[in-house]
Amino acid sequence: MALQPGPVLEETAARFALLSDPTRLHLLSLILERGECTVGELAAAADVSVANASQHLRRLALGGVLGRRRAGQQVYYRVVDDTIKPLCDVVCASVEARASIRVQAEAG
């Protein structure tokens, strides 16, 4: 699958850049694991400030990865892009496999 220069390549690069931040990935993994969550719940679970979590979640929402809804004072986030979970599963499995090989090589 060779991507040609142009809008699709630019959008693909933007999507990977959006997912390249460890805090955003942590927040995203929490939502994938728990389902819809409030900003406060996610901030506490990720051990970051509510303001920091809110900024990262906002970027993920603007990028089309997350959806949000307001209920009174609370803002709830959920994954709306069905490709995110399989993408994360593939990448995480690859990283874990490489780490396992590296550990085995160091022990052997």
N, C-alpha and C. Protein backbone atom coordinates (compact mmCIF):
# COMPACT_ATOMS: atom_id res chain seq x y z
N MET A 1 0.84 -1.18 0.00
CA MET A 1 0.00 0.00 0.00
C MET A 1 0.89 1.24 0.00
N ALA A 2 1.23 1.72 -1.14
CA ALA A 2 2.05 2.92 -1.26
C ALA A 2 1.14 4.14 -1.31
N LEU A 3 1.38 5.07 -0.40
CA LEU A 3 0.61 6.31 -0.39
C LEU A 3 1.29 7.33 -1.29
N GLN A 4 0.50 7.96 -2.11
CA GLN A 4 1.01 8.99 -3.00
C GLN A 4 0.96 10.34 -2.29
N PRO A 5 1.91 11.23 -2.56
CA PRO A 5 1.83 12.57 -1.97
C PRO A 5 0.48 13.20 -2.27
N GLY A 6 -0.07 13.86 -1.29
CA GLY A 6 -1.37 14.51 -1.45
C GLY A 6 -2.17 14.45 -0.18
N PRO A 7 -3.45 14.70 -0.27
CA PRO A 7 -4.30 14.82 0.92
C PRO A 7 -4.34 13.55 1.78
N VAL A 8 -4.38 12.37 1.17
CA VAL A 8 -4.45 11.13 1.96
C VAL A 8 -3.17 10.94 2.75
N LEU A 9 -2.04 11.18 2.12
CA LEU A 9 -0.75 11.06 2.82
C LEU A 9 -0.66 12.08 3.95
N GLU A 10 -1.09 13.30 3.70
CA GLU A 10 -1.06 14.34 4.74
C GLU A 10 -1.95 13.96 5.92
N GLU A 11 -3.14 13.47 5.63
CA GLU A 11 -4.08 13.08 6.70
C GLU A 11 -3.55 11.88 7.48
N THR A 12 -2.91 10.94 6.80
CA THR A 12 -2.32 9.79 7.47
C THR A 12 -1.21 10.23 8.41
N ALA A 13 -0.36 11.12 7.96
CA ALA A 13 0.72 11.64 8.80
C ALA A 13 0.15 12.39 10.01
N ALA A 14 -0.91 13.16 9.80
CA ALA A 14 -1.54 13.89 10.90
C ALA A 14 -2.13 12.93 11.92
N ARG A 15 -2.73 11.83 11.46
CA ARG A 15 -3.31 10.84 12.39
C ARG A 15 -2.22 10.19 13.23
N PHE A 16 -1.10 9.80 12.59
CA PHE A 16 -0.01 9.20 13.36
C PHE A 16 0.61 10.22 14.32
N ALA A 17 0.71 11.47 13.93
CA ALA A 17 1.23 12.50 14.82
C ALA A 17 0.31 12.68 16.02
N LEU A 18 -0.98 12.64 15.79
CA LEU A 18 -1.95 12.77 16.88
C LEU A 18 -1.78 11.66 17.90
N LEU A 19 -1.46 10.47 17.43
CA LEU A 19 -1.31 9.31 18.31
C LEU A 19 0.11 9.14 18.85
N SER A 20 0.99 10.08 18.55
CA SER A 20 2.40 9.91 18.92
C SER A 20 2.74 10.39 20.33
N ASP A 21 1.80 10.97 21.03
CA ASP A 21 2.07 11.49 22.37
C ASP A 21 1.73 10.43 23.43
N PRO A 22 2.66 10.11 24.35
CA PRO A 22 2.40 9.08 25.35
C PRO A 22 1.19 9.37 26.25
N THR A 23 0.97 10.63 26.61
CA THR A 23 -0.19 10.94 27.45
C THR A 23 -1.48 10.71 26.69
N ARG A 24 -1.53 11.11 25.43
CA ARG A 24 -2.73 10.87 24.63
C ARG A 24 -2.98 9.38 24.45
N LEU A 25 -1.91 8.62 24.24
CA LEU A 25 -2.08 7.17 24.11
C LEU A 25 -2.58 6.55 25.41
N HIS A 26 -2.08 7.04 26.53
CA HIS A 26 -2.54 6.51 27.82
C HIS A 26 -4.02 6.82 28.02
N LEU A 27 -4.42 8.04 27.77
CA LEU A 27 -5.83 8.41 27.89
C LEU A 27 -6.70 7.59 26.95
N LEU A 28 -6.23 7.42 25.73
CA LEU A 28 -6.97 6.63 24.74
C LEU A 28 -7.10 5.19 25.20
N SER A 29 -6.03 4.62 25.73
CA SER A 29 -6.09 3.22 26.19
C SER A 29 -7.06 3.07 27.35
N LEU A 30 -7.13 4.08 28.22
CA LEU A 30 -8.09 4.05 29.32
C LEU A 30 -9.53 4.05 28.80
N ILE A 31 -9.80 4.87 27.80
CA ILE A 31 -11.15 4.92 27.23
C ILE A 31 -11.47 3.61 26.53
N LEU A 32 -10.52 3.04 25.80
CA LEU A 32 -10.76 1.77 25.14
C LEU A 32 -11.04 0.67 26.16
N GLU A 33 -10.36 0.72 27.29
CA GLU A 33 -10.53 -0.29 28.34
C GLU A 33 -11.83 -0.11 29.11
N ARG A 34 -12.17 1.13 29.44
CA ARG A 34 -13.28 1.42 30.35
C ARG A 34 -14.57 1.83 29.65
N GLY A 35 -14.47 2.28 28.43
CA GLY A 35 -15.64 2.85 27.75
C GLY A 35 -15.72 4.34 28.05
N GLU A 36 -16.87 4.91 27.87
CA GLU A 36 -17.06 6.35 28.05
C GLU A 36 -16.66 6.78 29.47
N CYS A 37 -15.87 7.86 29.56
CA CYS A 37 -15.38 8.35 30.85
C CYS A 37 -15.42 9.87 30.88
N THR A 38 -15.45 10.41 32.09
CA THR A 38 -15.36 11.86 32.25
C THR A 38 -13.90 12.29 32.23
N VAL A 39 -13.70 13.56 32.00
CA VAL A 39 -12.34 14.11 32.02
C VAL A 39 -11.69 13.87 33.37
N GLY A 40 -12.44 14.10 34.45
CA GLY A 40 -11.90 13.90 35.79
C GLY A 40 -11.49 12.47 36.05
N GLU A 41 -12.32 11.53 35.63
CA GLU A 41 -11.97 10.11 35.80
C GLU A 41 -10.69 9.76 35.05
N LEU A 42 -10.59 10.25 33.83
CA LEU A 42 -9.42 9.96 33.01
C LEU A 42 -8.16 10.62 33.57
N ALA A 43 -8.30 11.86 34.02
CA ALA A 43 -7.15 12.57 34.60
C ALA A 43 -6.63 11.83 35.83
N ALA A 44 -7.54 11.39 36.69
CA ALA A 44 -7.13 10.67 37.91
C ALA A 44 -6.46 9.35 37.55
N ALA A 45 -7.02 8.62 36.61
CA ALA A 45 -6.47 7.32 36.24
C ALA A 45 -5.11 7.45 35.55
N ALA A 46 -4.91 8.54 34.81
CA ALA A 46 -3.65 8.77 34.10
C ALA A 46 -2.64 9.53 34.93
N ASP A 47 -3.06 9.97 36.13
CA ASP A 47 -2.20 10.75 37.03
C ASP A 47 -1.69 12.03 36.36
N VAL A 48 -2.62 12.74 35.71
CA VAL A 48 -2.32 14.05 35.13
C VAL A 48 -3.38 15.03 35.61
N SER A 49 -3.13 16.31 35.45
CA SER A 49 -4.12 17.30 35.85
C SER A 49 -5.33 17.25 34.93
N VAL A 50 -6.45 17.73 35.42
CA VAL A 50 -7.66 17.79 34.61
C VAL A 50 -7.42 18.68 33.39
N ALA A 51 -6.73 19.79 33.58
CA ALA A 51 -6.44 20.70 32.47
C ALA A 51 -5.60 20.00 31.39
N ASN A 52 -4.59 19.26 31.82
CA ASN A 52 -3.72 18.54 30.88
C ASN A 52 -4.52 17.48 30.13
N ALA A 53 -5.30 16.69 30.87
CA ALA A 53 -6.13 15.65 30.25
C ALA A 53 -7.10 16.29 29.26
N SER A 54 -7.72 17.37 29.66
CA SER A 54 -8.70 18.05 28.82
C SER A 54 -8.09 18.50 27.49
N GLN A 55 -6.88 19.04 27.54
CA GLN A 55 -6.21 19.50 26.31
C GLN A 55 -5.94 18.32 25.37
N HIS A 56 -5.44 17.21 25.93
CA HIS A 56 -5.15 16.04 25.11
C HIS A 56 -6.43 15.44 24.53
N LEU A 57 -7.46 15.35 25.35
CA LEU A 57 -8.73 14.79 24.90
C LEU A 57 -9.35 15.67 23.81
N ARG A 58 -9.21 16.97 23.97
CA ARG A 58 -9.72 17.91 22.96
C ARG A 58 -9.04 17.67 21.62
N ARG A 59 -7.73 17.47 21.63
CA ARG A 59 -7.00 17.22 20.38
C ARG A 59 -7.46 15.92 19.72
N LEU A 60 -7.66 14.88 20.55
CA LEU A 60 -8.14 13.61 20.01
C LEU A 60 -9.55 13.76 19.44
N ALA A 61 -10.37 14.58 20.07
CA ALA A 61 -11.72 14.82 19.56
C ALA A 61 -11.68 15.62 18.26
N LEU A 62 -10.86 16.65 18.20
CA LEU A 62 -10.74 17.44 16.98
C LEU A 62 -10.19 16.61 15.83
N GLY A 63 -9.37 15.61 16.17
CA GLY A 63 -8.80 14.72 15.16
C GLY A 63 -9.75 13.62 14.72
N GLY A 64 -10.94 13.57 15.30
CA GLY A 64 -11.93 12.59 14.89
C GLY A 64 -11.80 11.23 15.56
N VAL A 65 -10.92 11.13 16.54
CA VAL A 65 -10.73 9.85 17.24
C VAL A 65 -11.78 9.68 18.34
N LEU A 66 -12.05 10.76 19.07
CA LEU A 66 -12.99 10.72 20.18
C LEU A 66 -14.22 11.57 19.89
N GLY A 67 -15.31 11.18 20.52
CA GLY A 67 -16.51 12.01 20.54
C GLY A 67 -16.72 12.43 21.99
N ARG A 68 -17.47 13.49 22.17
CA ARG A 68 -17.72 13.94 23.53
C ARG A 68 -19.17 14.39 23.67
N ARG A 69 -19.64 14.30 24.90
CA ARG A 69 -20.97 14.80 25.21
C ARG A 69 -20.92 15.44 26.58
N ARG A 70 -21.73 16.46 26.74
CA ARG A 70 -21.81 17.18 28.00
C ARG A 70 -23.07 16.75 28.72
N ALA A 71 -22.92 16.50 30.03
CA ALA A 71 -24.05 16.20 30.90
C ALA A 71 -23.87 17.06 32.14
N GLY A 72 -24.55 18.19 32.17
CA GLY A 72 -24.36 19.14 33.27
C GLY A 72 -22.96 19.71 33.22
N GLN A 73 -22.23 19.57 34.32
CA GLN A 73 -20.85 20.07 34.39
C GLN A 73 -19.83 19.09 33.84
N GLN A 74 -20.25 17.85 33.60
CA GLN A 74 -19.33 16.80 33.17
C GLN A 74 -19.25 16.71 31.65
N VAL A 75 -18.05 16.41 31.16
CA VAL A 75 -17.86 16.12 29.75
C VAL A 75 -17.37 14.68 29.67
N TYR A 76 -18.08 13.88 28.89
CA TYR A 76 -17.76 12.47 28.72
C TYR A 76 -17.12 12.25 27.36
N TYR A 77 -16.08 11.42 27.32
CA TYR A 77 -15.39 11.09 26.07
C TYR A 77 -15.55 9.61 25.77
N ARG A 78 -15.65 9.32 24.46
CA ARG A 78 -15.75 7.94 24.00
C ARG A 78 -15.03 7.85 22.65
N VAL A 79 -14.59 6.67 22.29
CA VAL A 79 -13.95 6.45 20.99
C VAL A 79 -15.04 6.39 19.93
N VAL A 80 -14.87 7.16 18.85
CA VAL A 80 -15.84 7.15 17.75
C VAL A 80 -15.23 6.64 16.44
N ASP A 81 -13.94 6.46 16.41
CA ASP A 81 -13.26 5.95 15.21
C ASP A 81 -13.03 4.46 15.41
N ASP A 82 -13.76 3.64 14.65
CA ASP A 82 -13.69 2.19 14.80
C ASP A 82 -12.34 1.59 14.41
N THR A 83 -11.49 2.35 13.74
CA THR A 83 -10.18 1.82 13.34
C THR A 83 -9.14 1.93 14.43
N ILE A 84 -9.42 2.70 15.48
CA ILE A 84 -8.41 2.97 16.50
C ILE A 84 -8.05 1.72 17.31
N LYS A 85 -9.03 0.97 17.77
CA LYS A 85 -8.73 -0.22 18.59
C LYS A 85 -7.90 -1.23 17.81
N PRO A 86 -8.30 -1.62 16.59
CA PRO A 86 -7.46 -2.57 15.86
C PRO A 86 -6.06 -2.03 15.58
N LEU A 87 -5.94 -0.75 15.29
CA LEU A 87 -4.63 -0.15 15.06
C LEU A 87 -3.78 -0.25 16.32
N CYS A 88 -4.34 0.11 17.46
CA CYS A 88 -3.60 0.03 18.72
C CYS A 88 -3.24 -1.41 19.05
N ASP A 89 -4.15 -2.34 18.80
CA ASP A 89 -3.87 -3.75 19.07
C ASP A 89 -2.70 -4.25 18.25
N VAL A 90 -2.66 -3.92 16.97
CA VAL A 90 -1.58 -4.36 16.09
C VAL A 90 -0.24 -3.76 16.53
N VAL A 91 -0.23 -2.45 16.78
CA VAL A 91 1.02 -1.78 17.14
C VAL A 91 1.52 -2.27 18.50
N CYS A 92 0.62 -2.38 19.48
CA CYS A 92 1.03 -2.84 20.81
C CYS A 92 1.55 -4.28 20.77
N ALA A 93 0.91 -5.15 20.00
CA ALA A 93 1.37 -6.53 19.87
C ALA A 93 2.76 -6.58 19.26
N SER A 94 3.01 -5.74 18.28
CA SER A 94 4.33 -5.68 17.65
C SER A 94 5.39 -5.19 18.63
N VAL A 95 5.07 -4.15 19.38
CA VAL A 95 6.02 -3.61 20.37
C VAL A 95 6.31 -4.65 21.44
N GLU A 96 5.28 -5.32 21.93
CA GLU A 96 5.47 -6.35 22.96
C GLU A 96 6.30 -7.51 22.44
N ALA A 97 6.08 -7.93 21.20
CA ALA A 97 6.86 -9.02 20.61
C ALA A 97 8.33 -8.64 20.48
N ARG A 98 8.58 -7.42 20.04
CA ARG A 98 9.97 -6.96 19.90
C ARG A 98 10.65 -6.87 21.26
N ALA A 99 9.91 -6.41 22.28
CA ALA A 99 10.47 -6.33 23.63
C ALA A 99 10.80 -7.72 24.15
N SER A 100 9.94 -8.69 23.89
CA SER A 100 10.16 -10.06 24.33
C SER A 100 11.40 -10.65 23.68
N ILE A 101 11.55 -10.41 22.39
CA ILE A 101 12.75 -10.89 21.68
C ILE A 101 14.00 -10.25 22.24
N ARG A 102 13.94 -8.96 22.55
CA ARG A 102 15.09 -8.25 23.09
C ARG A 102 15.46 -8.81 24.46
N VAL A 103 14.47 -9.08 25.31
CA VAL A 103 14.73 -9.64 26.64
C VAL A 103 15.35 -11.03 26.51
N GLN A 104 14.83 -11.84 25.62
CA GLN A 104 15.37 -13.19 25.41
C GLN A 104 16.81 -13.12 24.91
N ALA A 105 17.09 -12.19 24.02
CA ALA A 105 18.44 -12.04 23.48
C ALA A 105 19.42 -11.62 24.57
N GLU A 106 18.98 -10.73 25.45
CA GLU A 106 19.83 -10.26 26.55
C GLU A 106 20.07 -11.35 27.58
N ALA A 107 19.09 -12.24 27.77
CA ALA A 107 19.21 -13.32 28.74
C ALA A 107 20.01 -14.49 28.18
N GLY A 108 20.00 -14.65 26.88
CA GLY A 108 20.58 -15.82 26.23
C GLY A 108 22.01 -15.68 25.94
